Amino acid sequence: MLIVLPLLMFPVMIGLTSSFMESHMTRAAARTITVALFTGGNASGFEDILEGSEGFSREDVSTLERAEDLVRRDSLDAVIAFAADFDSTIAHLGTGSITLYIKETEETQIEESRLYALLEEYTEELRVKRFEDLNLDVSIYDVTSVETSNLATPEERFADVAGGMLPYMFVIFCFMGAMYPAIDLAAGEKERGTLETLLTSPVTKMQILTGKVGVVILTGIGAAAISMVGLYLGIRFVSAIPDIFLDMITAILKPGVIIFLMTLLFPLTVFFASLMLSISFTAKSYKEAQSKVGPLMPVVIIPAFLGLMPGVELSVGTALVPILNVTLATKQILAGQVNPGLMVVVYGSLIVYAVLGLLLCSKVFSRESAIFS
């Protein structure tokens, strides 16, 4: 759980996602789209384009209502209907009306774009013919030419796409990595009766607690570090990743960025470790500790998930919210747009939470009713 799962998570996710996306795009591009066409005696030129295009087939349906019903039941891919006065409107220099009936879902986006490309091809033919009839150069139609130059760095683009997901995964791994040792080193030892034996050794309670907290912190931060190794292995050995995506992730996995991320995760892991040990010390058995620590998972997931939402930015307010502040600060780090003032607030709040967690854990461990089953 602490080593294999974090190590394999990112390679498996990246490999499966890339494979499924590539397979879906290949199937959607090669799939034959079945279309019902209602022209009402108009748009003979479009019929020729449809029949001469690969990847499309025409199906005759008696009525438009029947064709719409077939689309709803997935028995037909799309319906293209031209207005009854389409040819007349075009001849009088008007705008002809065309209606495309299709079920718009994520699965049909590629098919829909292929249909729009077909209609655009026919529209371009009509446009060229109209300008020829008017003895005009079709180039006068293009009044302006707008080109977009994306000035966002690879880091900024990557942070926008996956900047919220990566810290979300790292935080979850920190929590999971700390949870099992915290339960076992407190409730587990109480259940086995070894905690009392440990207290007879020539060390202080604080030294024992320090050792336990240290182990939990190391396993938590270690799980996050191993997941970063898994991310590197995923982009290194999964061949199906698009080159642009590969370049963006490689730009992120720099030693300085990784160290920055680990310094954010460390005080958060201290907070997790001390909080879960405190709860686990109050339980009499391993199973009871699991039932008490388990409800913390939604408390961790919700603020981490909020960091994925568009419009949620790092501010003085969000910098004080544990877990959410780590997610948002990580997005800034990945984008290369670190605000020093807000980072001070983030680190300060994380340190305060870590200290409060340690004080709580120390207070619980000092109570004999908590450490003796």
Protein backbone atom coordinates (compact mmCIF):
# COMPACT_ATOMS: atom_id res chain seq x y z
CA MET A 1 0.00 0.00 0.00
CA LEU A 2 2.76 2.45 0.92
CA ILE A 3 5.26 1.63 -1.83
CA VAL A 4 3.77 -0.37 -4.67
CA LEU A 5 0.50 1.59 -4.99
CA PRO A 6 2.09 5.09 -5.19
CA LEU A 7 4.81 3.77 -7.50
CA LEU A 8 2.39 2.19 -9.97
CA MET A 9 -0.51 4.65 -9.77
CA PHE A 10 0.80 7.27 -12.21
CA PRO A 11 2.29 4.86 -14.78
CA VAL A 12 -0.98 2.91 -14.85
CA MET A 13 -3.12 6.07 -15.03
CA ILE A 14 -0.98 7.67 -17.74
CA GLY A 15 -0.71 4.45 -19.73
CA LEU A 16 -4.41 3.64 -19.61
CA THR A 17 -5.52 7.22 -20.28
CA SER A 18 -3.18 7.63 -23.25
CA SER A 19 -4.11 4.23 -24.64
CA PHE A 20 -7.85 4.82 -24.31
CA MET A 21 -7.66 8.31 -25.81
CA GLU A 22 -5.59 7.15 -28.76
CA SER A 23 -7.87 4.17 -29.32
CA HIS A 24 -11.02 6.31 -29.08
CA MET A 25 -9.72 8.93 -31.52
CA THR A 26 -8.63 6.26 -33.99
CA ARG A 27 -12.00 4.49 -33.84
CA ALA A 28 -13.98 7.74 -34.08
CA ALA A 29 -11.95 8.95 -37.06
CA ALA A 30 -12.33 5.64 -38.91
CA ARG A 31 -15.95 4.98 -38.02
CA THR A 32 -18.59 5.26 -40.75
CA ILE A 33 -21.18 7.88 -39.83
CA THR A 34 -24.71 7.07 -40.94
CA VAL A 35 -26.70 10.17 -41.89
CA ALA A 36 -30.31 10.77 -42.89
CA LEU A 37 -30.61 13.66 -45.35
CA PHE A 38 -33.70 15.80 -45.93
CA THR A 39 -33.17 18.33 -48.71
CA GLY A 40 -36.71 18.93 -49.95
CA GLY A 41 -35.33 19.09 -53.46
CA ASN A 42 -32.60 21.54 -52.46
CA ALA A 43 -28.83 21.38 -52.00
CA SER A 44 -28.02 18.90 -54.75
CA GLY A 45 -24.38 19.87 -54.41
CA PHE A 46 -24.29 18.69 -50.81
CA GLU A 47 -25.73 15.30 -51.80
CA ASP A 48 -22.78 14.88 -54.17
CA ILE A 49 -20.30 15.81 -51.43
CA LEU A 50 -21.90 13.36 -48.98
CA GLU A 51 -21.93 10.48 -51.43
CA GLY A 52 -18.34 11.16 -52.51
CA SER A 53 -16.92 11.39 -48.98
CA GLU A 54 -15.33 8.39 -47.29
CA GLY A 55 -16.54 7.50 -43.83
CA PHE A 56 -20.15 8.57 -44.43
CA SER A 57 -23.19 6.59 -45.50
CA ARG A 58 -26.67 7.83 -46.26
CA GLU A 59 -29.79 6.13 -44.95
CA ASP A 60 -33.22 6.85 -46.35
CA VAL A 61 -35.82 7.57 -43.68
CA SER A 62 -39.47 8.33 -44.48
CA THR A 63 -40.00 11.37 -42.21
CA LEU A 64 -37.93 13.82 -40.23
CA GLU A 65 -39.75 12.85 -37.02
CA ARG A 66 -38.87 9.21 -37.62
CA ALA A 67 -35.22 10.12 -38.22
CA GLU A 68 -35.06 12.17 -34.99
CA ASP A 69 -36.43 9.20 -33.08
CA LEU A 70 -33.78 6.92 -34.59
CA VAL A 71 -31.04 9.33 -33.43
CA ARG A 72 -32.47 9.36 -29.91
CA ARG A 73 -32.41 5.53 -29.88
CA ASP A 74 -28.84 5.44 -31.28
CA SER A 75 -30.03 3.69 -34.43
CA LEU A 76 -28.87 6.62 -36.54
CA ASP A 77 -25.88 8.91 -36.03
CA ALA A 78 -27.20 12.21 -37.36
CA VAL A 79 -29.84 13.96 -39.43
CA ILE A 80 -29.15 16.90 -41.74
CA ALA A 81 -32.22 18.88 -42.78
CA PHE A 82 -32.21 21.78 -45.25
CA ALA A 83 -34.92 24.44 -45.15
CA ALA A 84 -37.64 24.14 -47.82
CA ASP A 85 -36.58 27.47 -49.33
CA PHE A 86 -32.83 26.81 -49.06
CA ASP A 87 -31.96 27.12 -52.78
CA SER A 88 -34.23 30.13 -53.23
CA THR A 89 -32.71 31.91 -50.22
CA ILE A 90 -29.17 31.26 -51.46
CA ALA A 91 -30.10 32.48 -54.95
CA HIS A 92 -31.38 35.76 -53.47
CA LEU A 93 -28.12 36.24 -51.54
CA GLY A 94 -29.67 35.22 -48.23
CA THR A 95 -28.48 32.81 -45.56
CA GLY A 96 -29.75 29.28 -46.08
CA SER A 97 -30.85 27.37 -42.99
CA ILE A 98 -29.44 23.93 -42.19
CA THR A 99 -30.29 21.95 -39.06
CA LEU A 100 -28.01 19.19 -37.73
CA TYR A 101 -29.72 16.72 -35.39
CA ILE A 102 -27.25 14.78 -33.26
CA LYS A 103 -26.80 13.52 -29.70
CA GLU A 104 -24.01 15.71 -28.34
CA THR A 105 -21.88 13.82 -25.83
CA GLU A 106 -18.16 13.46 -25.16
CA GLU A 107 -18.28 10.22 -27.13
CA THR A 108 -19.61 11.96 -30.27
CA GLN A 109 -17.38 15.05 -30.33
CA ILE A 110 -15.09 13.72 -33.08
CA GLU A 111 -18.04 12.52 -35.21
CA GLU A 112 -19.72 15.91 -34.78
CA SER A 113 -16.58 17.74 -35.90
CA ARG A 114 -16.43 15.52 -39.00
CA LEU A 115 -20.04 16.41 -39.86
CA TYR A 116 -19.37 20.13 -39.39
CA ALA A 117 -16.31 19.84 -41.65
CA LEU A 118 -18.54 18.30 -44.32
CA LEU A 119 -21.07 21.13 -44.03
CA GLU A 120 -18.28 23.71 -44.06
CA GLU A 121 -16.95 22.22 -47.30
CA TYR A 122 -20.37 22.65 -48.92
CA THR A 123 -20.72 26.17 -47.46
CA GLU A 124 -17.37 27.14 -48.96
CA GLU A 125 -18.49 25.90 -52.38
CA LEU A 126 -21.64 28.04 -52.20
CA ARG A 127 -19.60 31.04 -51.04
CA VAL A 128 -17.17 30.75 -53.95
CA LYS A 129 -20.03 30.38 -56.46
CA ARG A 130 -21.85 33.42 -55.02
CA PHE A 131 -18.77 35.62 -55.36
CA GLU A 132 -18.17 34.37 -58.91
CA ASP A 133 -21.76 35.25 -59.87
CA LEU A 134 -21.20 38.74 -58.47
CA ASN A 135 -17.88 39.04 -60.34
CA LEU A 136 -16.06 39.54 -57.05
CA ASP A 137 -12.87 38.07 -55.66
CA VAL A 138 -13.73 35.71 -52.79
CA SER A 139 -10.71 37.01 -50.87
CA ILE A 140 -12.59 40.25 -50.10
CA TYR A 141 -14.74 38.14 -47.77
CA ASP A 142 -11.79 37.88 -45.39
CA VAL A 143 -11.75 41.37 -43.91
CA THR A 144 -9.34 40.50 -41.11
CA SER A 145 -6.88 37.75 -40.35
CA VAL A 146 -6.32 36.98 -36.69
CA GLU A 147 -3.45 34.80 -35.55
CA THR A 148 -3.02 33.61 -31.99
CA SER A 149 0.41 33.47 -30.44
CA ASN A 150 0.28 31.54 -27.18
CA LEU A 151 2.69 33.21 -24.77
CA ALA A 152 1.93 30.81 -21.94
CA THR A 153 4.95 28.77 -20.93
CA PRO A 154 4.78 24.95 -20.93
CA GLU A 155 4.66 25.13 -17.14
CA GLU A 156 1.65 27.49 -17.23
CA ARG A 157 -0.20 25.31 -19.72
CA PHE A 158 0.52 22.20 -17.71
CA ALA A 159 -0.57 23.89 -14.47
CA ASP A 160 -3.82 24.91 -16.14
CA VAL A 161 -4.54 21.37 -17.36
CA ALA A 162 -3.25 19.16 -14.54
CA GLY A 163 -1.97 21.58 -11.90
CA GLY A 164 -4.83 20.73 -9.58
CA MET A 165 -4.84 16.97 -10.12
CA LEU A 166 -1.18 16.34 -9.26
CA PRO A 167 -1.22 18.02 -5.81
CA TYR A 168 -4.57 16.32 -5.20
CA MET A 169 -2.91 12.93 -5.75
CA PHE A 170 0.18 13.86 -3.71
CA VAL A 171 -1.95 14.97 -0.73
CA ILE A 172 -3.98 11.75 -0.87
CA PHE A 173 -0.80 9.66 -0.91
CA CYS A 174 0.58 11.62 2.06
CA PHE A 175 -2.60 10.92 3.99
CA MET A 176 -2.75 7.24 3.05
CA GLY A 177 0.96 6.78 3.72
CA ALA A 178 0.57 8.19 7.23
CA MET A 179 -2.74 6.51 8.08
CA TYR A 180 -1.77 2.82 8.37
CA PRO A 181 1.41 3.29 10.43
CA ALA A 182 -0.41 5.78 12.70
CA ILE A 183 -3.13 3.23 13.42
CA ASP A 184 -0.69 0.37 13.98
CA LEU A 185 1.81 2.30 16.14
CA ALA A 186 -0.93 3.46 18.51
CA ALA A 187 -4.08 1.33 18.58
CA GLY A 188 -2.25 -1.66 17.09
CA GLU A 189 0.34 -1.69 19.88
CA LYS A 190 -2.34 -1.19 22.54
CA GLU A 191 -4.26 -4.17 21.15
CA ARG A 192 -1.14 -6.36 21.10
CA GLY A 193 -0.09 -5.22 24.57
CA THR A 194 3.35 -4.06 23.40
CA LEU A 195 2.87 -0.40 24.23
CA GLU A 196 3.04 -1.09 27.96
CA THR A 197 6.25 -3.06 27.41
CA LEU A 198 7.69 -0.18 25.41
CA LEU A 199 6.99 2.21 28.28
CA THR A 200 9.26 0.13 30.57
CA SER A 201 12.30 0.91 28.41
CA PRO A 202 14.78 3.52 29.72
CA VAL A 203 13.45 6.36 27.57
CA THR A 204 10.96 9.16 28.19
CA LYS A 205 7.40 9.28 26.91
CA MET A 206 8.38 12.20 24.71
CA GLN A 207 11.16 10.17 23.09
CA ILE A 208 8.73 7.33 22.39
CA LEU A 209 6.19 9.74 20.93
CA THR A 210 8.88 11.44 18.85
CA GLY A 211 9.88 8.07 17.38
CA LYS A 212 6.30 7.18 16.53
CA VAL A 213 5.53 10.58 14.99
CA GLY A 214 8.78 10.41 13.03
CA VAL A 215 7.93 7.04 11.52
CA VAL A 216 4.45 8.19 10.49
CA ILE A 217 5.83 11.38 8.95
CA LEU A 218 8.47 9.46 7.01
CA THR A 219 5.98 6.96 5.61
CA GLY A 220 3.57 9.74 4.63
CA ILE A 221 6.14 11.91 2.90
CA GLY A 222 7.78 8.78 1.49
CA ALA A 223 4.54 7.71 -0.19
CA ALA A 224 4.29 11.13 -1.87
CA ALA A 225 7.94 10.94 -2.98
CA ILE A 226 7.43 7.44 -4.39
CA SER A 227 4.37 8.69 -6.32
CA MET A 228 6.60 11.35 -7.91
CA VAL A 229 8.97 8.58 -8.96
CA GLY A 230 5.95 6.79 -10.41
CA LEU A 231 5.02 9.93 -12.35
CA TYR A 232 8.52 10.07 -13.80
CA LEU A 233 8.43 6.40 -14.75
CA GLY A 234 5.00 6.88 -16.30
CA ILE A 235 6.13 9.63 -18.66
CA ARG A 236 9.44 7.93 -19.28
CA PHE A 237 8.26 4.50 -20.36
CA VAL A 238 4.68 5.02 -21.62
CA SER A 239 5.15 5.55 -25.34
CA ALA A 240 1.59 6.66 -26.13
CA ILE A 241 1.92 10.08 -24.44
CA PRO A 242 1.61 13.01 -26.92
CA ASP A 243 4.92 14.84 -27.35
CA ILE A 244 3.56 18.21 -26.22
CA PHE A 245 2.21 16.64 -23.00
CA LEU A 246 5.52 14.86 -22.45
CA ASP A 247 7.47 18.12 -22.85
CA MET A 248 5.22 19.90 -20.33
CA ILE A 249 5.59 17.21 -17.65
CA THR A 250 9.35 17.02 -18.19
CA ALA A 251 9.54 20.78 -17.67
CA ILE A 252 7.80 20.33 -14.33
CA LEU A 253 9.94 17.49 -12.98
CA LYS A 254 12.92 19.62 -12.13
CA PRO A 255 14.83 19.22 -8.84
CA GLY A 256 13.98 22.74 -7.68
CA VAL A 257 10.25 22.28 -8.29
CA ILE A 258 10.22 18.87 -6.60
CA ILE A 259 12.03 20.23 -3.53
CA PHE A 260 9.55 23.11 -3.38
CA LEU A 261 6.65 20.63 -3.46
CA MET A 262 8.18 18.46 -0.74
CA THR A 263 8.62 21.46 1.56
CA LEU A 264 4.89 22.11 1.20
CA LEU A 265 3.95 18.49 1.82
CA PHE A 266 6.21 18.04 4.86
CA PRO A 267 4.35 20.29 7.38
CA LEU A 268 1.05 18.96 6.04
CA THR A 269 2.24 15.41 6.67
CA VAL A 270 3.29 16.38 10.21
CA PHE A 271 -0.26 17.64 10.75
CA PHE A 272 -1.74 14.41 9.33
CA ALA A 273 0.58 12.24 11.43
CA SER A 274 -0.06 13.99 14.73
CA LEU A 275 -3.82 14.17 14.16
CA MET A 276 -4.18 10.49 13.24
CA LEU A 277 -1.92 9.33 16.08
CA SER A 278 -4.02 11.39 18.51
CA ILE A 279 -7.20 9.73 17.28
CA SER A 280 -5.62 6.30 17.18
CA PHE A 281 -4.40 6.57 20.80
CA THR A 282 -8.03 7.01 21.91
CA ALA A 283 -9.06 3.71 20.27
CA LYS A 284 -8.83 0.35 22.04
CA SER A 285 -8.27 -1.77 18.93
CA TYR A 286 -6.97 -1.55 15.38
CA LYS A 287 -10.48 -1.91 13.97
CA GLU A 288 -11.86 0.84 16.21
CA ALA A 289 -9.03 3.13 15.15
CA GLN A 290 -9.84 2.47 11.48
CA SER A 291 -13.47 3.43 12.07
CA LYS A 292 -12.37 6.66 13.79
CA VAL A 293 -9.68 7.67 11.28
CA GLY A 294 -11.71 6.66 8.21
CA PRO A 295 -14.09 9.67 8.35
CA LEU A 296 -11.06 11.95 7.97
CA MET A 297 -10.75 10.89 4.32
CA PRO A 298 -13.66 13.08 3.10
CA VAL A 299 -12.25 15.95 5.20
CA VAL A 300 -9.01 15.60 3.23
CA ILE A 301 -10.57 14.96 -0.18
CA ILE A 302 -13.04 17.88 -0.21
CA PRO A 303 -10.56 20.78 0.19
CA ALA A 304 -8.09 19.04 -2.12
CA PHE A 305 -10.86 18.62 -4.70
CA LEU A 306 -11.85 22.29 -4.41
CA GLY A 307 -8.40 23.14 -5.72
CA LEU A 308 -9.37 21.51 -9.02
CA MET A 309 -12.27 23.92 -9.55
CA PRO A 310 -11.82 26.78 -12.06
CA GLY A 311 -11.83 30.20 -10.48
CA VAL A 312 -10.45 29.02 -7.13
CA GLU A 313 -7.21 30.93 -6.77
CA LEU A 314 -4.62 31.32 -4.04
CA SER A 315 -5.47 34.33 -1.86
CA VAL A 316 -4.97 35.32 1.77
CA GLY A 317 -8.20 33.52 2.66
CA THR A 318 -7.52 30.28 0.79
CA ALA A 319 -3.89 30.31 1.96
CA LEU A 320 -5.17 29.73 5.49
CA VAL A 321 -7.26 26.66 4.61
CA PRO A 322 -5.23 23.48 5.21
CA ILE A 323 -4.89 21.09 2.26
CA LEU A 324 -6.58 23.58 -0.11
CA ASN A 325 -3.63 25.95 0.37
CA VAL A 326 -1.18 23.18 -0.60
CA THR A 327 -3.16 22.38 -3.76
CA LEU A 328 -3.37 26.01 -4.87
CA ALA A 329 0.24 26.78 -3.94
CA THR A 330 1.38 23.76 -5.94
CA LYS A 331 -0.52 25.06 -8.97
CA GLN A 332 1.39 28.34 -8.66
CA ILE A 333 4.67 26.48 -8.36
CA LEU A 334 3.93 24.38 -11.44
CA ALA A 335 2.95 27.49 -13.39
CA GLY A 336 6.14 29.27 -12.32
CA GLN A 337 4.14 32.20 -10.93
CA VAL A 338 4.96 32.11 -7.23
CA ASN A 339 3.61 34.98 -5.12
CA PRO A 340 6.14 35.35 -2.25
CA GLY A 341 3.69 37.05 0.11
CA LEU A 342 1.02 34.38 -0.29
CA MET A 343 3.62 31.64 0.01
CA VAL A 344 4.67 33.06 3.37
CA VAL A 345 1.04 32.85 4.50
CA VAL A 346 0.78 29.26 3.22
CA TYR A 347 3.96 28.10 4.95
CA GLY A 348 3.09 30.00 8.12
CA SER A 349 -0.38 28.46 8.35
CA LEU A 350 0.95 24.97 7.64
CA ILE A 351 3.58 25.31 10.36
CA VAL A 352 0.95 26.53 12.84
CA TYR A 353 -1.31 23.56 12.04
CA ALA A 354 1.63 21.15 12.38
CA VAL A 355 2.60 22.60 15.77
CA LEU A 356 -1.00 22.49 17.01
CA GLY A 357 -1.25 18.87 15.86
CA LEU A 358 1.95 17.93 17.69
CA LEU A 359 0.75 19.64 20.87
CA LEU A 360 -2.55 17.76 20.67
CA CYS A 361 -0.76 14.46 20.14
CA SER A 362 1.57 15.13 23.07
CA LYS A 363 -1.36 15.96 25.32
CA VAL A 364 -3.25 12.80 24.37
CA PHE A 365 -0.16 10.59 24.81
CA SER A 366 0.47 12.04 28.27
CA ARG A 367 -2.91 10.71 29.49
CA GLU A 368 -2.68 7.22 30.98
CA SER A 369 -6.30 6.53 30.05
CA ALA A 370 -5.34 6.97 26.38
CA ILE A 371 -2.24 4.79 26.26
CA PHE A 372 -3.39 1.89 28.46
CA SER A 373 -6.08 -0.31 26.95
